[in-house]
Amino acid sequence: MKPIRALGRRLRGNVRLTVGLVLLFIIVVIGALHGVIIDAIGKGQDPTAIGFGQRWLQPSPQHLLGTDQVGRDVMAMVVAGLWTSLKIGALGGALSTIIGIVVAFFAAYRGGWLDSLLATTTDLFLVIPTLPLLIAYSGFASHISLFQVSVILAVFSWAGASRTIRSHVLSLRTRSYVDLAKISKESDVKIVLFELVPNMLPYIALGLALAVINTIFALVGLELIGLGPSGIQDLGLLINSSVQNGALSLGAWPMFVAPIVLLTAIFFALNLINVGLDEAFNPRLRKVAGA
């Protein structure tokens, strides 16, 4: 409990972290309420169905963000795409962080040949060009589920978090409380879970935030070049559709701008959280920030 209390004291009063968390909370609430918002827009109909309204309608009280090339309500599609992007980012980020934690903690804690093997594997994944592999995979598996997309993206994004966490574990494993736990004949699993993990919570959270960003923008990148998985309506697909159908030239700018604004807000919120955590746990940054 002591590491958790110390964590709370350090995070208290951190403006950047607070703003980032509040902004992220608002974005998540909007995404989570997408069903309610879509029902309110449709009024008994499906506003994301083809022919719901006229084509390329301008923003109005009936269609706050207008309609697309087949009459679908843009706002309904945006909130649905936001929720999908958040789910993929959260799931892919969580999976990649879990992989990174397992590899980093047990490799760095045990040391020896296991650490060397896993460190080499981590370095290998860091230098592998992931975009060509994702493009190649999307060509063979276009009809895949949301969970499969998250797993694929996680496989290529765990190495960065693993390297960061490993460096801190190498430092923590020499602390006196770890030696005391070893003398008390605690198992390696218990030492990792109850001695090391609580002291690594801020770095794990930072790695998770970065992994979520990387996962969301990796999928957006695939969607922008038209190679994303079909059947998954996310923000990247909306941007691609607006570009392919010339939404800007037809005056339907919300179809292009709204997804970009939301992606920017997600990126901004998660980066504020990263900076806030850095300021709280990096002494040099605390001095610069005047904390």
C-alpha atoms as a PDB file:
ATOM      1  CA  MET A   1       0.000   0.000   0.000  1.00  0.00           C
ATOM      2  CA  LYS A   2       2.883   2.397   0.695  1.00  0.00           C
ATOM      3  CA  PRO A   3       3.970   2.646  -2.983  1.00  0.00           C
ATOM      4  CA  ILE A   4       0.358   3.375  -3.954  1.00  0.00           C
ATOM      5  CA  ARG A   5       0.038   6.127  -1.312  1.00  0.00           C
ATOM      6  CA  ALA A   6       3.327   7.649  -2.473  1.00  0.00           C
ATOM      7  CA  LEU A   7       2.016   7.476  -6.047  1.00  0.00           C
ATOM      8  CA  GLY A   8      -1.107   9.411  -5.028  1.00  0.00           C
ATOM      9  CA  ARG A   9       0.932  12.130  -3.309  1.00  0.00           C
ATOM     10  CA  ARG A  10       3.111  12.671  -6.361  1.00  0.00           C
ATOM     11  CA  LEU A  11       0.185  12.839  -8.784  1.00  0.00           C
ATOM     12  CA  ARG A  12      -1.867  15.245  -6.662  1.00  0.00           C
ATOM     13  CA  GLY A  13      -1.956  18.763  -8.087  1.00  0.00           C
ATOM     14  CA  ASN A  14      -0.421  17.793 -11.444  1.00  0.00           C
ATOM     15  CA  VAL A  15      -2.224  20.144 -13.857  1.00  0.00           C
ATOM     16  CA  ARG A  16      -1.196  18.455 -17.119  1.00  0.00           C
ATOM     17  CA  LEU A  17      -2.150  15.019 -15.852  1.00  0.00           C
ATOM     18  CA  THR A  18      -5.488  16.299 -14.562  1.00  0.00           C
ATOM     19  CA  VAL A  19      -6.360  18.069 -17.822  1.00  0.00           C
ATOM     20  CA  GLY A  20      -5.352  14.994 -19.828  1.00  0.00           C
ATOM     21  CA  LEU A  21      -7.458  12.662 -17.687  1.00  0.00           C
ATOM     22  CA  VAL A  22     -10.497  14.970 -17.810  1.00  0.00           C
ATOM     23  CA  LEU A  23     -10.251  15.344 -21.604  1.00  0.00           C
ATOM     24  CA  LEU A  24      -9.818  11.590 -22.060  1.00  0.00           C
ATOM     25  CA  PHE A  25     -12.783  10.949 -19.757  1.00  0.00           C
ATOM     26  CA  ILE A  26     -15.005  13.249 -21.851  1.00  0.00           C
ATOM     27  CA  ILE A  27     -13.921  11.505 -25.073  1.00  0.00           C
ATOM     28  CA  VAL A  28     -14.566   8.051 -23.600  1.00  0.00           C
ATOM     29  CA  VAL A  29     -18.011   9.108 -22.309  1.00  0.00           C
ATOM     30  CA  ILE A  30     -18.966  10.384 -25.772  1.00  0.00           C
ATOM     31  CA  GLY A  31     -17.822   7.096 -27.291  1.00  0.00           C
ATOM     32  CA  ALA A  32     -19.544   4.966 -24.653  1.00  0.00           C
ATOM     33  CA  LEU A  33     -22.828   6.834 -25.213  1.00  0.00           C
ATOM     34  CA  HIS A  34     -22.678   6.329 -28.975  1.00  0.00           C
ATOM     35  CA  GLY A  35     -25.751   4.086 -28.887  1.00  0.00           C
ATOM     36  CA  VAL A  36     -27.827   6.739 -27.109  1.00  0.00           C
ATOM     37  CA  ILE A  37     -26.579   9.446 -29.480  1.00  0.00           C
ATOM     38  CA  ILE A  38     -27.309   7.331 -32.557  1.00  0.00           C
ATOM     39  CA  ASP A  39     -30.838   6.527 -31.315  1.00  0.00           C
ATOM     40  CA  ALA A  40     -31.483  10.216 -30.671  1.00  0.00           C
ATOM     41  CA  ILE A  41     -30.327  11.114 -34.190  1.00  0.00           C
ATOM     42  CA  GLY A  42     -32.246   8.308 -35.887  1.00  0.00           C
ATOM     43  CA  LYS A  43     -35.532   8.727 -33.967  1.00  0.00           C
ATOM     44  CA  GLY A  44     -36.508   5.132 -34.548  1.00  0.00           C
ATOM     45  CA  GLN A  45     -34.383   4.608 -37.674  1.00  0.00           C
ATOM     46  CA  ASP A  46     -30.759   3.697 -38.242  1.00  0.00           C
ATOM     47  CA  PRO A  47     -28.927   6.939 -39.145  1.00  0.00           C
ATOM     48  CA  THR A  48     -25.898   4.941 -40.327  1.00  0.00           C
ATOM     49  CA  ALA A  49     -27.989   3.071 -42.918  1.00  0.00           C
ATOM     50  CA  ILE A  50     -27.751   3.904 -46.617  1.00  0.00           C
ATOM     51  CA  GLY A  51     -30.529   6.257 -47.669  1.00  0.00           C
ATOM     52  CA  PHE A  52     -31.304   7.572 -44.198  1.00  0.00           C
ATOM     53  CA  GLY A  53     -31.231  11.114 -45.580  1.00  0.00           C
ATOM     54  CA  GLN A  54     -30.419  12.959 -48.774  1.00  0.00           C
ATOM     55  CA  ARG A  55     -26.889  12.866 -50.137  1.00  0.00           C
ATOM     56  CA  TRP A  56     -24.324  15.511 -49.103  1.00  0.00           C
ATOM     57  CA  LEU A  57     -26.611  17.560 -46.870  1.00  0.00           C
ATOM     58  CA  GLN A  58     -24.964  20.517 -45.160  1.00  0.00           C
ATOM     59  CA  PRO A  59     -24.891  20.748 -41.336  1.00  0.00           C
ATOM     60  CA  SER A  60     -28.323  21.619 -39.967  1.00  0.00           C
ATOM     61  CA  PRO A  61     -30.415  21.078 -36.797  1.00  0.00           C
ATOM     62  CA  GLN A  62     -31.576  17.749 -38.266  1.00  0.00           C
ATOM     63  CA  HIS A  63     -28.060  16.645 -39.269  1.00  0.00           C
ATOM     64  CA  LEU A  64     -25.523  18.480 -37.107  1.00  0.00           C
ATOM     65  CA  LEU A  65     -22.580  17.315 -39.237  1.00  0.00           C
ATOM     66  CA  GLY A  66     -24.491  16.757 -42.480  1.00  0.00           C
ATOM     67  CA  THR A  67     -24.733  13.522 -44.459  1.00  0.00           C
ATOM     68  CA  ASP A  68     -22.321  11.551 -46.644  1.00  0.00           C
ATOM     69  CA  GLN A  69     -22.405  10.333 -50.234  1.00  0.00           C
ATOM     70  CA  VAL A  70     -25.124   7.737 -49.528  1.00  0.00           C
ATOM     71  CA  GLY A  71     -27.224   9.754 -47.101  1.00  0.00           C
ATOM     72  CA  ARG A  72     -25.842   8.464 -43.803  1.00  0.00           C
ATOM     73  CA  ASP A  73     -25.724  10.886 -40.877  1.00  0.00           C
ATOM     74  CA  VAL A  74     -22.095  11.927 -40.365  1.00  0.00           C
ATOM     75  CA  MET A  75     -22.399  12.598 -36.641  1.00  0.00           C
ATOM     76  CA  ALA A  76     -23.797   9.115 -36.023  1.00  0.00           C
ATOM     77  CA  MET A  77     -20.943   7.596 -38.020  1.00  0.00           C
ATOM     78  CA  VAL A  78     -18.362   9.715 -36.167  1.00  0.00           C
ATOM     79  CA  VAL A  79     -19.489   8.696 -32.671  1.00  0.00           C
ATOM     80  CA  ALA A  80     -19.713   5.046 -33.749  1.00  0.00           C
ATOM     81  CA  GLY A  81     -16.234   5.273 -35.304  1.00  0.00           C
ATOM     82  CA  LEU A  82     -14.892   6.956 -32.174  1.00  0.00           C
ATOM     83  CA  TRP A  83     -16.064   4.080 -29.981  1.00  0.00           C
ATOM     84  CA  THR A  84     -14.524   1.526 -32.353  1.00  0.00           C
ATOM     85  CA  SER A  85     -11.193   3.387 -32.422  1.00  0.00           C
ATOM     86  CA  LEU A  86     -11.180   3.642 -28.619  1.00  0.00           C
ATOM     87  CA  LYS A  87     -11.902  -0.070 -28.227  1.00  0.00           C
ATOM     88  CA  ILE A  88      -9.184  -1.057 -30.677  1.00  0.00           C
ATOM     89  CA  GLY A  89      -6.722   1.349 -29.049  1.00  0.00           C
ATOM     90  CA  ALA A  90      -7.532   0.204 -25.507  1.00  0.00           C
ATOM     91  CA  LEU A  91      -7.505  -3.507 -26.350  1.00  0.00           C
ATOM     92  CA  GLY A  92      -4.408  -3.355 -28.539  1.00  0.00           C
ATOM     93  CA  GLY A  93      -2.613  -1.069 -26.083  1.00  0.00           C
ATOM     94  CA  ALA A  94      -3.487  -3.300 -23.116  1.00  0.00           C
ATOM     95  CA  LEU A  95      -2.345  -6.460 -24.922  1.00  0.00           C
ATOM     96  CA  SER A  96       0.946  -4.912 -26.037  1.00  0.00           C
ATOM     97  CA  THR A  97       1.573  -3.533 -22.532  1.00  0.00           C
ATOM     98  CA  ILE A  98       0.860  -6.927 -20.931  1.00  0.00           C
ATOM     99  CA  ILE A  99       3.293  -8.602 -23.325  1.00  0.00           C
ATOM    100  CA  GLY A 100       5.883  -5.926 -22.606  1.00  0.00           C
ATOM    101  CA  ILE A 101       5.402  -6.269 -18.829  1.00  0.00           C
ATOM    102  CA  VAL A 102       5.762 -10.046 -18.838  1.00  0.00           C
ATOM    103  CA  VAL A 103       8.847  -9.949 -21.036  1.00  0.00           C
ATOM    104  CA  ALA A 104      10.505  -7.025 -19.222  1.00  0.00           C
ATOM    105  CA  PHE A 105       9.786  -8.009 -15.626  1.00  0.00           C
ATOM    106  CA  PHE A 106      10.762 -11.640 -15.728  1.00  0.00           C
ATOM    107  CA  ALA A 107      13.676 -11.180 -18.134  1.00  0.00           C
ATOM    108  CA  ALA A 108      15.229  -8.295 -16.184  1.00  0.00           C
ATOM    109  CA  TYR A 109      14.481  -9.811 -12.781  1.00  0.00           C
ATOM    110  CA  ARG A 110      15.912 -13.252 -13.531  1.00  0.00           C
ATOM    111  CA  GLY A 111      18.788 -11.973 -15.657  1.00  0.00           C
ATOM    112  CA  GLY A 112      21.265 -14.341 -17.276  1.00  0.00           C
ATOM    113  CA  TRP A 113      20.597 -16.069 -20.583  1.00  0.00           C
ATOM    114  CA  LEU A 114      16.832 -15.430 -20.360  1.00  0.00           C
ATOM    115  CA  ASP A 115      17.366 -11.682 -20.154  1.00  0.00           C
ATOM    116  CA  SER A 116      19.817 -11.772 -23.057  1.00  0.00           C
ATOM    117  CA  LEU A 117      17.430 -13.813 -25.208  1.00  0.00           C
ATOM    118  CA  LEU A 118      14.381 -11.652 -24.526  1.00  0.00           C
ATOM    119  CA  ALA A 119      16.376  -8.408 -24.828  1.00  0.00           C
ATOM    120  CA  THR A 120      17.567  -9.536 -28.261  1.00  0.00           C
ATOM    121  CA  THR A 121      14.003 -10.458 -29.234  1.00  0.00           C
ATOM    122  CA  THR A 122      12.811  -7.022 -28.089  1.00  0.00           C
ATOM    123  CA  ASP A 123      15.500  -5.275 -30.135  1.00  0.00           C
ATOM    124  CA  LEU A 124      14.511  -7.385 -33.140  1.00  0.00           C
ATOM    125  CA  PHE A 125      10.875  -6.276 -32.905  1.00  0.00           C
ATOM    126  CA  LEU A 126      11.996  -2.651 -32.528  1.00  0.00           C
ATOM    127  CA  VAL A 127      13.850  -2.679 -35.854  1.00  0.00           C
ATOM    128  CA  ILE A 128      11.285  -4.704 -37.825  1.00  0.00           C
ATOM    129  CA  PRO A 129       9.465  -2.382 -40.265  1.00  0.00           C
ATOM    130  CA  THR A 130       5.924  -2.953 -39.031  1.00  0.00           C
ATOM    131  CA  LEU A 131       4.002  -1.010 -41.697  1.00  0.00           C
ATOM    132  CA  PRO A 132       4.978  -3.297 -44.623  1.00  0.00           C
ATOM    133  CA  LEU A 133       4.079  -6.347 -42.519  1.00  0.00           C
ATOM    134  CA  LEU A 134       0.704  -4.871 -41.578  1.00  0.00           C
ATOM    135  CA  ILE A 135       0.042  -4.005 -45.217  1.00  0.00           C
ATOM    136  CA  ALA A 136       0.959  -7.536 -46.284  1.00  0.00           C
ATOM    137  CA  TYR A 137      -1.252  -9.063 -43.633  1.00  0.00           C
ATOM    138  CA  SER A 138      -4.216  -6.835 -44.484  1.00  0.00           C
ATOM    139  CA  GLY A 139      -4.021  -8.073 -48.057  1.00  0.00           C
ATOM    140  CA  PHE A 140      -4.548 -11.685 -46.947  1.00  0.00           C
ATOM    141  CA  ALA A 141      -6.976 -11.073 -44.096  1.00  0.00           C
ATOM    142  CA  SER A 142      -9.335  -8.233 -44.918  1.00  0.00           C
ATOM    143  CA  HIS A 143     -12.333  -9.767 -43.129  1.00  0.00           C
ATOM    144  CA  ILE A 144     -11.104  -9.978 -39.545  1.00  0.00           C
ATOM    145  CA  SER A 145     -12.682  -9.164 -36.204  1.00  0.00           C
ATOM    146  CA  LEU A 146     -11.976  -6.183 -33.972  1.00  0.00           C
ATOM    147  CA  PHE A 147     -10.176  -8.449 -31.505  1.00  0.00           C
ATOM    148  CA  GLN A 148      -7.966  -9.889 -34.244  1.00  0.00           C
ATOM    149  CA  VAL A 149      -7.056  -6.384 -35.400  1.00  0.00           C
ATOM    150  CA  SER A 150      -6.075  -5.473 -31.826  1.00  0.00           C
ATOM    151  CA  VAL A 151      -3.943  -8.601 -31.430  1.00  0.00           C
ATOM    152  CA  ILE A 152      -2.146  -7.985 -34.731  1.00  0.00           C
ATOM    153  CA  LEU A 153      -1.361  -4.381 -33.793  1.00  0.00           C
ATOM    154  CA  ALA A 154      -0.278  -5.424 -30.277  1.00  0.00           C
ATOM    155  CA  VAL A 155       2.215  -7.961 -31.627  1.00  0.00           C
ATOM    156  CA  PHE A 156       4.110  -5.167 -33.361  1.00  0.00           C
ATOM    157  CA  SER A 157       3.941  -2.524 -30.593  1.00  0.00           C
ATOM    158  CA  TRP A 158       4.977  -4.196 -27.316  1.00  0.00           C
ATOM    159  CA  ALA A 159       8.739  -3.845 -27.699  1.00  0.00           C
ATOM    160  CA  GLY A 160       9.009  -0.134 -26.896  1.00  0.00           C
ATOM    161  CA  ALA A 161       7.194  -0.465 -23.573  1.00  0.00           C
ATOM    162  CA  SER A 162       9.167  -3.602 -22.755  1.00  0.00           C
ATOM    163  CA  ARG A 163      12.544  -1.870 -23.187  1.00  0.00           C
ATOM    164  CA  THR A 164      11.492   1.096 -21.002  1.00  0.00           C
ATOM    165  CA  ILE A 165      10.126  -1.123 -18.230  1.00  0.00           C
ATOM    166  CA  ARG A 166      13.131  -3.452 -18.369  1.00  0.00           C
ATOM    167  CA  SER A 167      15.581  -0.614 -17.670  1.00  0.00           C
ATOM    168  CA  HIS A 168      13.669   0.352 -14.524  1.00  0.00           C
ATOM    169  CA  VAL A 169      13.335  -3.246 -13.340  1.00  0.00           C
ATOM    170  CA  LEU A 170      17.102  -3.688 -13.633  1.00  0.00           C
ATOM    171  CA  SER A 171      17.440  -0.810 -11.172  1.00  0.00           C
ATOM    172  CA  LEU A 172      14.678  -1.932  -8.802  1.00  0.00           C
ATOM    173  CA  ARG A 173      15.832  -5.538  -8.461  1.00  0.00           C
ATOM    174  CA  THR A 174      18.879  -4.387  -6.465  1.00  0.00           C
ATOM    175  CA  ARG A 175      16.811  -2.512  -3.865  1.00  0.00           C
ATOM    176  CA  SER A 176      16.871  -3.597  -0.234  1.00  0.00           C
ATOM    177  CA  TYR A 177      13.194  -4.563  -0.094  1.00  0.00           C
ATOM    178  CA  VAL A 178      13.731  -7.015  -2.952  1.00  0.00           C
ATOM    179  CA  ASP A 179      16.699  -8.548  -1.123  1.00  0.00           C
ATOM    180  CA  LEU A 180      14.565  -8.818   2.020  1.00  0.00           C
ATOM    181  CA  ALA A 181      11.823 -10.589   0.066  1.00  0.00           C
ATOM    182  CA  LYS A 182      14.392 -13.047  -1.307  1.00  0.00           C
ATOM    183  CA  ILE A 183      15.733 -13.732   2.193  1.00  0.00           C
ATOM    184  CA  SER A 184      12.139 -14.355   3.306  1.00  0.00           C
ATOM    185  CA  LYS A 185      11.994 -17.013   0.545  1.00  0.00           C
ATOM    186  CA  GLU A 186       9.223 -15.307  -1.375  1.00  0.00           C
ATOM    187  CA  SER A 187       8.617 -16.751  -4.839  1.00  0.00           C
ATOM    188  CA  ASP A 188       9.747 -14.832  -7.907  1.00  0.00           C
ATOM    189  CA  VAL A 189       6.129 -14.310  -8.951  1.00  0.00           C
ATOM    190  CA  LYS A 190       5.227 -12.741  -5.593  1.00  0.00           C
ATOM    191  CA  ILE A 191       8.291 -10.505  -5.627  1.00  0.00           C
ATOM    192  CA  VAL A 192       7.434  -9.271  -9.099  1.00  0.00           C
ATOM    193  CA  LEU A 193       3.728  -8.744  -8.377  1.00  0.00           C
ATOM    194  CA  PHE A 194       3.922  -7.283  -4.867  1.00  0.00           C
ATOM    195  CA  GLU A 195       7.337  -5.611  -4.726  1.00  0.00           C
ATOM    196  CA  LEU A 196       8.243  -4.522  -8.250  1.00  0.00           C
ATOM    197  CA  VAL A 197       4.923  -3.871 -10.004  1.00  0.00           C
ATOM    198  CA  PRO A 198       3.593  -1.300  -7.433  1.00  0.00           C
ATOM    199  CA  ASN A 199       6.795   0.718  -7.839  1.00  0.00           C
ATOM    200  CA  MET A 200       6.468   0.567 -11.617  1.00  0.00           C
ATOM    201  CA  LEU A 201       2.827   1.658 -11.908  1.00  0.00           C
ATOM    202  CA  PRO A 202       3.571   5.149 -13.341  1.00  0.00           C
ATOM    203  CA  TYR A 203       5.918   3.727 -15.988  1.00  0.00           C
ATOM    204  CA  ILE A 204       3.409   1.012 -16.849  1.00  0.00           C
ATOM    205  CA  ALA A 205       0.707   3.679 -17.207  1.00  0.00           C
ATOM    206  CA  LEU A 206       3.008   5.737 -19.418  1.00  0.00           C
ATOM    207  CA  GLY A 207       3.757   2.702 -21.577  1.00  0.00           C
ATOM    208  CA  LEU A 208       0.030   1.944 -21.827  1.00  0.00           C
ATOM    209  CA  ALA A 209      -0.772   5.482 -22.967  1.00  0.00           C
ATOM    210  CA  LEU A 210       1.919   5.312 -25.656  1.00  0.00           C
ATOM    211  CA  ALA A 211       0.728   1.869 -26.764  1.00  0.00           C
ATOM    212  CA  VAL A 212      -2.865   3.096 -27.116  1.00  0.00           C
ATOM    213  CA  ILE A 213      -1.695   6.034 -29.253  1.00  0.00           C
ATOM    214  CA  ASN A 214       0.442   3.774 -31.442  1.00  0.00           C
ATOM    215  CA  THR A 215      -2.381   1.256 -31.899  1.00  0.00           C
ATOM    216  CA  ILE A 216      -4.992   3.847 -32.882  1.00  0.00           C
ATOM    217  CA  PHE A 217      -2.715   5.660 -35.311  1.00  0.00           C
ATOM    218  CA  ALA A 218      -1.360   2.438 -36.820  1.00  0.00           C
ATOM    219  CA  LEU A 219      -4.902   1.460 -37.783  1.00  0.00           C
ATOM    220  CA  VAL A 220      -5.636   4.994 -39.022  1.00  0.00           C
ATOM    221  CA  GLY A 221      -2.516   4.794 -41.185  1.00  0.00           C
ATOM    222  CA  LEU A 222      -3.724   1.548 -42.772  1.00  0.00           C
ATOM    223  CA  GLU A 223      -7.185   3.013 -43.336  1.00  0.00           C
ATOM    224  CA  LEU A 224      -5.796   6.152 -44.992  1.00  0.00           C
ATOM    225  CA  ILE A 225      -4.052   4.111 -47.668  1.00  0.00           C
ATOM    226  CA  GLY A 226      -7.131   1.936 -48.127  1.00  0.00           C
ATOM    227  CA  LEU A 227      -5.710  -1.255 -46.621  1.00  0.00           C
ATOM    228  CA  GLY A 228      -7.564  -1.406 -43.311  1.00  0.00           C
ATOM    229  CA  PRO A 229      -9.768  -4.364 -42.367  1.00  0.00           C
ATOM    230  CA  SER A 230     -13.216  -4.239 -43.935  1.00  0.00           C
ATOM    231  CA  GLY A 231     -16.354  -4.239 -41.831  1.00  0.00           C
ATOM    232  CA  ILE A 232     -14.834  -2.128 -39.034  1.00  0.00           C
ATOM    233  CA  GLN A 233     -16.143   1.448 -38.930  1.00  0.00           C
ATOM    234  CA  ASP A 234     -13.476   3.549 -37.215  1.00  0.00           C
ATOM    235  CA  LEU A 235     -12.277   7.143 -37.491  1.00  0.00           C
ATOM    236  CA  GLY A 236      -9.565   6.261 -40.007  1.00  0.00           C
ATOM    237  CA  LEU A 237     -12.123   4.720 -42.362  1.00  0.00           C
ATOM    238  CA  LEU A 238     -14.213   7.902 -42.178  1.00  0.00           C
ATOM    239  CA  ILE A 239     -11.225  10.023 -43.153  1.00  0.00           C
ATOM    240  CA  ASN A 240     -10.423   7.681 -46.032  1.00  0.00           C
ATOM    241  CA  SER A 241     -14.039   7.765 -47.217  1.00  0.00           C
ATOM    242  CA  SER A 242     -14.149  11.562 -47.121  1.00  0.00           C
ATOM    243  CA  VAL A 243     -10.957  11.771 -49.186  1.00  0.00           C
ATOM    244  CA  GLN A 244     -12.032   9.123 -51.704  1.00  0.00           C
ATOM    245  CA  ASN A 245     -15.426  10.760 -52.249  1.00  0.00           C
ATOM    246  CA  GLY A 246     -14.191  14.373 -52.399  1.00  0.00           C
ATOM    247  CA  ALA A 247     -16.117  15.517 -49.328  1.00  0.00           C
ATOM    248  CA  LEU A 248     -14.130  18.752 -48.997  1.00  0.00           C
ATOM    249  CA  SER A 249     -14.714  19.807 -52.596  1.00  0.00           C
ATOM    250  CA  LEU A 250     -18.439  19.167 -52.151  1.00  0.00           C
ATOM    251  CA  GLY A 251     -18.612  21.284 -49.000  1.00  0.00           C
ATOM    252  CA  ALA A 252     -19.068  18.314 -46.651  1.00  0.00           C
ATOM    253  CA  TRP A 253     -16.083  19.362 -44.544  1.00  0.00           C
ATOM    254  CA  PRO A 254     -17.393  17.901 -41.219  1.00  0.00           C
ATOM    255  CA  MET A 255     -16.962  14.391 -42.612  1.00  0.00           C
ATOM    256  CA  PHE A 256     -13.218  15.069 -42.913  1.00  0.00           C
ATOM    257  CA  VAL A 257     -12.662  17.480 -40.020  1.00  0.00           C
ATOM    258  CA  ALA A 258     -14.648  15.774 -37.217  1.00  0.00           C
ATOM    259  CA  PRO A 259     -12.611  12.501 -37.172  1.00  0.00           C
ATOM    260  CA  ILE A 260      -9.351  14.470 -37.302  1.00  0.00           C
ATOM    261  CA  VAL A 261     -10.448  16.678 -34.397  1.00  0.00           C
ATOM    262  CA  LEU A 262     -11.308  13.616 -32.300  1.00  0.00           C
ATOM    263  CA  LEU A 263      -8.034  11.852 -33.142  1.00  0.00           C
ATOM    264  CA  THR A 264      -6.144  15.036 -32.262  1.00  0.00           C
ATOM    265  CA  ALA A 265      -8.031  15.270 -28.962  1.00  0.00           C
ATOM    266  CA  ILE A 266      -7.176  11.641 -28.120  1.00  0.00           C
ATOM    267  CA  PHE A 267      -3.516  12.227 -28.988  1.00  0.00           C
ATOM    268  CA  PHE A 268      -3.449  15.479 -26.985  1.00  0.00           C
ATOM    269  CA  ALA A 269      -5.095  13.904 -23.920  1.00  0.00           C
ATOM    270  CA  LEU A 270      -2.815  10.861 -23.843  1.00  0.00           C
ATOM    271  CA  ASN A 271       0.283  13.001 -24.364  1.00  0.00           C
ATOM    272  CA  LEU A 272      -0.747  15.300 -21.514  1.00  0.00           C
ATOM    273  CA  ILE A 273      -1.042  12.191 -19.350  1.00  0.00           C
ATOM    274  CA  ASN A 274       2.429  11.075 -20.463  1.00  0.00           C
ATOM    275  CA  VAL A 275       3.951  14.477 -19.709  1.00  0.00           C
ATOM    276  CA  GLY A 276       2.155  14.633 -16.366  1.00  0.00           C
ATOM    277  CA  LEU A 277       3.475  11.229 -15.340  1.00  0.00           C
ATOM    278  CA  ASP A 278       6.971  12.215 -16.484  1.00  0.00           C
ATOM    279  CA  GLU A 279       6.844  15.388 -14.435  1.00  0.00           C
ATOM    280  CA  ALA A 280       5.627  13.486 -11.367  1.00  0.00           C
ATOM    281  CA  PHE A 281       8.291  10.781 -11.463  1.00  0.00           C
ATOM    282  CA  ASN A 282      11.240  12.355 -13.276  1.00  0.00           C
ATOM    283  CA  PRO A 283      13.181  14.610 -10.855  1.00  0.00           C
ATOM    284  CA  ARG A 284      14.757  16.627 -13.669  1.00  0.00           C
ATOM    285  CA  LEU A 285      11.388  17.427 -15.201  1.00  0.00           C
ATOM    286  CA  ARG A 286       9.961  18.349 -11.799  1.00  0.00           C
ATOM    287  CA  LYS A 287      12.724  20.939 -11.391  1.00  0.00           C
ATOM    288  CA  VAL A 288      12.044  22.359 -14.852  1.00  0.00           C
ATOM    289  CA  ALA A 289       8.315  22.534 -14.122  1.00  0.00           C
ATOM    290  CA  GLY A 290       8.974  24.174 -10.788  1.00  0.00           C
ATOM    291  CA  ALA A 291       7.295  21.387  -8.836  1.00  0.00           C
END
